[in-house]
């Protein structure tokens, strides 16, 4: 889902700008690029089996091997679970 959040945020801001009567030509271009990029990321994630039940991004397994268990838990809580939702990355 994190690959689609930026496009959703841009679409929300675009709708808000339209309702507020602000110029939206740059936002329209940003939304088009954001939708394209989110589609590309989603396709690549699907192609690597990311949407199958029980799957995860292949990079987390690599990090889990290199970071000790308790430190990975802190990383999971602070970055993976919280920071990505707040920052939209």
N, C-alpha and C. Protein backbone atom coordinates (compact mmCIF):
# COMPACT_ATOMS: atom_id res chain seq x y z
N UNK A 1 0.81 -1.21 0.00
CA UNK A 1 0.00 0.00 0.00
C UNK A 1 0.85 1.26 0.00
N UNK A 2 2.06 1.17 0.55
CA UNK A 2 2.88 2.37 0.63
C UNK A 2 3.29 2.89 -0.73
N UNK A 3 3.23 2.04 -1.76
CA UNK A 3 3.56 2.52 -3.09
C UNK A 3 2.45 3.37 -3.69
N UNK A 4 1.24 3.28 -3.16
CA UNK A 4 0.14 4.08 -3.69
C UNK A 4 -0.17 5.31 -2.82
N UNK A 5 0.36 5.36 -1.61
CA UNK A 5 0.05 6.48 -0.73
C UNK A 5 0.46 7.84 -1.29
N UNK A 6 1.63 7.99 -1.90
CA UNK A 6 1.96 9.32 -2.46
C UNK A 6 0.93 9.80 -3.49
N UNK A 7 0.47 8.91 -4.36
CA UNK A 7 -0.53 9.31 -5.36
C UNK A 7 -1.84 9.69 -4.68
N UNK A 8 -2.21 8.97 -3.63
CA UNK A 8 -3.44 9.30 -2.90
C UNK A 8 -3.32 10.66 -2.23
N UNK A 9 -2.16 10.93 -1.61
CA UNK A 9 -1.94 12.23 -0.97
C UNK A 9 -1.99 13.37 -2.00
N UNK A 10 -1.35 13.16 -3.16
CA UNK A 10 -1.36 14.18 -4.21
C UNK A 10 -2.78 14.41 -4.72
N UNK A 11 -3.53 13.33 -4.92
CA UNK A 11 -4.91 13.46 -5.39
C UNK A 11 -5.75 14.22 -4.37
N UNK A 12 -5.56 13.93 -3.10
CA UNK A 12 -6.30 14.64 -2.05
C UNK A 12 -5.99 16.12 -2.08
N UNK A 13 -4.70 16.46 -2.17
CA UNK A 13 -4.31 17.87 -2.21
C UNK A 13 -4.82 18.54 -3.48
N UNK A 14 -4.84 17.81 -4.59
CA UNK A 14 -5.34 18.36 -5.85
C UNK A 14 -6.83 18.69 -5.73
N UNK A 15 -7.60 17.79 -5.15
CA UNK A 15 -9.04 18.04 -4.96
C UNK A 15 -9.24 19.23 -4.03
N UNK A 16 -8.46 19.29 -2.96
CA UNK A 16 -8.57 20.41 -2.01
C UNK A 16 -8.28 21.73 -2.72
N UNK A 17 -7.23 21.77 -3.55
CA UNK A 17 -6.88 23.00 -4.27
C UNK A 17 -7.98 23.41 -5.23
N UNK A 18 -8.57 22.44 -5.91
CA UNK A 18 -9.68 22.76 -6.82
C UNK A 18 -10.87 23.35 -6.07
N UNK A 19 -11.21 22.74 -4.94
CA UNK A 19 -12.34 23.25 -4.15
C UNK A 19 -12.06 24.62 -3.56
N UNK A 20 -10.79 24.92 -3.32
CA UNK A 20 -10.41 26.23 -2.77
C UNK A 20 -10.23 27.27 -3.86
N UNK A 21 -10.36 26.87 -5.13
CA UNK A 21 -10.24 27.80 -6.24
C UNK A 21 -8.81 28.18 -6.58
N UNK A 22 -7.85 27.35 -6.20
CA UNK A 22 -6.45 27.62 -6.48
C UNK A 22 -6.06 27.05 -7.85
N UNK A 23 -5.02 27.62 -8.47
CA UNK A 23 -4.58 27.06 -9.75
C UNK A 23 -4.01 25.65 -9.56
N UNK A 24 -4.36 24.75 -10.47
CA UNK A 24 -3.98 23.35 -10.27
C UNK A 24 -3.19 22.75 -11.42
N UNK A 25 -2.71 23.56 -12.35
CA UNK A 25 -2.00 22.98 -13.50
C UNK A 25 -0.75 22.21 -13.07
N UNK A 26 0.00 22.75 -12.13
CA UNK A 26 1.19 22.03 -11.65
C UNK A 26 0.79 20.80 -10.85
N UNK A 27 -0.26 20.91 -10.08
CA UNK A 27 -0.73 19.75 -9.32
C UNK A 27 -1.24 18.65 -10.24
N UNK A 28 -1.87 19.04 -11.34
CA UNK A 28 -2.33 18.05 -12.31
C UNK A 28 -1.16 17.27 -12.89
N UNK A 29 -0.09 18.00 -13.22
CA UNK A 29 1.10 17.34 -13.75
C UNK A 29 1.74 16.45 -12.68
N UNK A 30 1.80 16.92 -11.46
CA UNK A 30 2.35 16.13 -10.37
C UNK A 30 1.50 14.88 -10.12
N UNK A 31 0.20 15.03 -10.19
CA UNK A 31 -0.69 13.88 -10.00
C UNK A 31 -0.49 12.84 -11.11
N UNK A 32 -0.36 13.30 -12.35
CA UNK A 32 -0.13 12.37 -13.46
C UNK A 32 1.18 11.60 -13.25
N UNK A 33 2.23 12.31 -12.88
CA UNK A 33 3.51 11.65 -12.63
C UNK A 33 3.41 10.71 -11.42
N UNK A 34 2.74 11.15 -10.37
CA UNK A 34 2.58 10.33 -9.17
C UNK A 34 1.80 9.06 -9.45
N UNK A 35 0.75 9.16 -10.26
CA UNK A 35 -0.04 7.97 -10.62
C UNK A 35 0.80 7.01 -11.46
N UNK A 36 1.56 7.57 -12.41
CA UNK A 36 2.43 6.73 -13.22
C UNK A 36 3.46 6.01 -12.35
N UNK A 37 4.09 6.75 -11.45
CA UNK A 37 5.13 6.17 -10.60
C UNK A 37 4.55 5.11 -9.65
N UNK A 38 3.40 5.39 -9.07
CA UNK A 38 2.77 4.42 -8.18
C UNK A 38 2.37 3.16 -8.94
N UNK A 39 1.89 3.33 -10.16
CA UNK A 39 1.54 2.18 -10.99
C UNK A 39 2.78 1.35 -11.30
N UNK A 40 3.87 2.01 -11.63
CA UNK A 40 5.11 1.30 -11.91
C UNK A 40 5.60 0.53 -10.69
N UNK A 41 5.59 1.17 -9.52
CA UNK A 41 6.03 0.50 -8.29
C UNK A 41 5.12 -0.68 -7.95
N UNK A 42 3.82 -0.48 -8.09
CA UNK A 42 2.87 -1.56 -7.79
C UNK A 42 3.06 -2.74 -8.73
N UNK A 43 3.28 -2.46 -10.02
CA UNK A 43 3.50 -3.53 -10.98
C UNK A 43 4.77 -4.32 -10.64
N UNK A 44 5.85 -3.60 -10.34
CA UNK A 44 7.10 -4.30 -10.01
C UNK A 44 6.95 -5.12 -8.74
N UNK A 45 6.23 -4.61 -7.75
CA UNK A 45 6.01 -5.35 -6.51
C UNK A 45 5.18 -6.60 -6.78
N UNK A 46 4.16 -6.48 -7.61
CA UNK A 46 3.32 -7.62 -7.99
C UNK A 46 4.15 -8.65 -8.76
N UNK A 47 5.00 -8.16 -9.67
CA UNK A 47 5.81 -9.04 -10.50
C UNK A 47 6.76 -9.89 -9.65
N UNK A 48 7.23 -9.35 -8.54
CA UNK A 48 8.13 -10.09 -7.65
C UNK A 48 7.38 -10.89 -6.60
N UNK A 49 6.04 -10.96 -6.73
CA UNK A 49 5.25 -11.77 -5.81
C UNK A 49 4.88 -11.09 -4.52
N UNK A 50 4.96 -9.78 -4.48
CA UNK A 50 4.73 -9.03 -3.26
C UNK A 50 3.32 -9.05 -2.73
N UNK A 51 2.34 -9.33 -3.57
CA UNK A 51 0.95 -9.31 -3.10
C UNK A 51 0.41 -10.69 -2.74
N UNK A 52 1.29 -11.69 -2.73
CA UNK A 52 0.86 -13.02 -2.32
C UNK A 52 0.73 -13.07 -0.80
N UNK A 53 -0.15 -13.92 -0.34
CA UNK A 53 -0.38 -14.03 1.10
C UNK A 53 0.91 -14.42 1.83
N UNK A 54 1.23 -13.66 2.89
CA UNK A 54 2.41 -13.94 3.70
C UNK A 54 3.71 -13.40 3.13
N UNK A 55 3.66 -12.70 2.02
CA UNK A 55 4.89 -12.20 1.42
C UNK A 55 5.27 -10.85 2.02
N UNK A 56 6.52 -10.46 1.80
CA UNK A 56 6.99 -9.15 2.23
C UNK A 56 8.01 -8.68 1.21
N UNK A 57 8.35 -7.43 1.29
CA UNK A 57 9.35 -6.85 0.41
C UNK A 57 10.67 -7.60 0.62
N UNK A 58 11.33 -7.97 -0.45
CA UNK A 58 12.54 -8.77 -0.36
C UNK A 58 13.66 -8.05 0.41
N UNK A 59 13.62 -6.73 0.44
CA UNK A 59 14.69 -5.98 1.12
C UNK A 59 14.64 -6.14 2.63
N UNK A 60 13.46 -6.38 3.20
CA UNK A 60 13.39 -6.53 4.66
C UNK A 60 14.11 -7.79 5.12
N UNK A 61 14.05 -8.86 4.33
CA UNK A 61 14.76 -10.10 4.70
C UNK A 61 16.27 -9.85 4.71
N UNK A 62 16.76 -9.06 3.77
CA UNK A 62 18.19 -8.75 3.73
C UNK A 62 18.57 -7.95 4.97
N UNK A 63 17.77 -6.94 5.32
CA UNK A 63 18.05 -6.14 6.51
C UNK A 63 17.96 -6.97 7.78
N UNK A 64 16.98 -7.87 7.84
CA UNK A 64 16.80 -8.70 9.03
C UNK A 64 18.02 -9.56 9.29
N UNK A 65 18.71 -9.99 8.23
CA UNK A 65 19.93 -10.79 8.39
C UNK A 65 21.09 -9.96 8.93
N UNK A 66 21.12 -8.67 8.62
CA UNK A 66 22.25 -7.83 8.98
C UNK A 66 22.08 -7.08 10.29
N UNK A 67 20.83 -6.93 10.76
CA UNK A 67 20.54 -6.17 11.98
C UNK A 67 20.11 -7.14 13.08
N UNK A 68 20.71 -7.03 14.27
CA UNK A 68 20.30 -7.91 15.38
C UNK A 68 18.80 -7.78 15.69
N UNK A 69 18.20 -8.86 16.20
CA UNK A 69 16.76 -8.94 16.45
C UNK A 69 16.16 -7.76 17.21
N UNK A 70 16.67 -7.41 18.41
CA UNK A 70 16.07 -6.30 19.15
C UNK A 70 16.18 -4.96 18.41
N UNK A 71 17.30 -4.75 17.73
CA UNK A 71 17.47 -3.51 16.98
C UNK A 71 16.54 -3.47 15.77
N UNK A 72 16.33 -4.63 15.13
CA UNK A 72 15.39 -4.68 14.01
C UNK A 72 13.97 -4.40 14.47
N UNK A 73 13.62 -4.86 15.67
CA UNK A 73 12.30 -4.57 16.21
C UNK A 73 12.11 -3.06 16.36
N UNK A 74 13.11 -2.37 16.90
CA UNK A 74 13.04 -0.91 17.04
C UNK A 74 12.93 -0.26 15.67
N UNK A 75 13.73 -0.74 14.71
CA UNK A 75 13.66 -0.24 13.33
C UNK A 75 12.27 -0.46 12.74
N UNK A 76 11.70 -1.62 12.99
CA UNK A 76 10.36 -1.94 12.49
C UNK A 76 9.32 -0.99 13.06
N UNK A 77 9.36 -0.76 14.36
CA UNK A 77 8.35 0.09 15.01
C UNK A 77 8.51 1.54 14.60
N UNK A 78 9.76 2.04 14.55
CA UNK A 78 9.97 3.46 14.29
C UNK A 78 9.95 3.82 12.81
N UNK A 79 10.54 3.00 11.97
CA UNK A 79 10.61 3.37 10.55
C UNK A 79 9.56 2.66 9.71
N UNK A 80 9.58 1.35 9.73
CA UNK A 80 8.70 0.60 8.83
C UNK A 80 7.23 0.88 9.14
N UNK A 81 6.86 0.81 10.40
CA UNK A 81 5.45 0.96 10.76
C UNK A 81 5.01 2.40 10.89
N UNK A 82 5.83 3.25 11.47
CA UNK A 82 5.40 4.61 11.78
C UNK A 82 5.86 5.64 10.76
N UNK A 83 7.15 5.72 10.53
CA UNK A 83 7.70 6.79 9.69
C UNK A 83 7.21 6.74 8.25
N UNK A 84 7.05 5.54 7.70
CA UNK A 84 6.59 5.45 6.32
C UNK A 84 5.16 5.95 6.17
N UNK A 85 4.32 5.71 7.16
CA UNK A 85 2.96 6.20 7.07
C UNK A 85 2.89 7.71 7.23
N UNK A 86 3.76 8.26 8.07
CA UNK A 86 3.76 9.70 8.31
C UNK A 86 4.38 10.43 7.14
N UNK A 87 5.49 9.91 6.61
CA UNK A 87 6.20 10.61 5.55
C UNK A 87 5.68 10.25 4.16
N UNK A 88 4.99 9.12 4.01
CA UNK A 88 4.48 8.73 2.72
C UNK A 88 5.51 8.07 1.82
N UNK A 89 6.61 7.61 2.38
CA UNK A 89 7.64 6.96 1.56
C UNK A 89 7.41 5.49 1.46
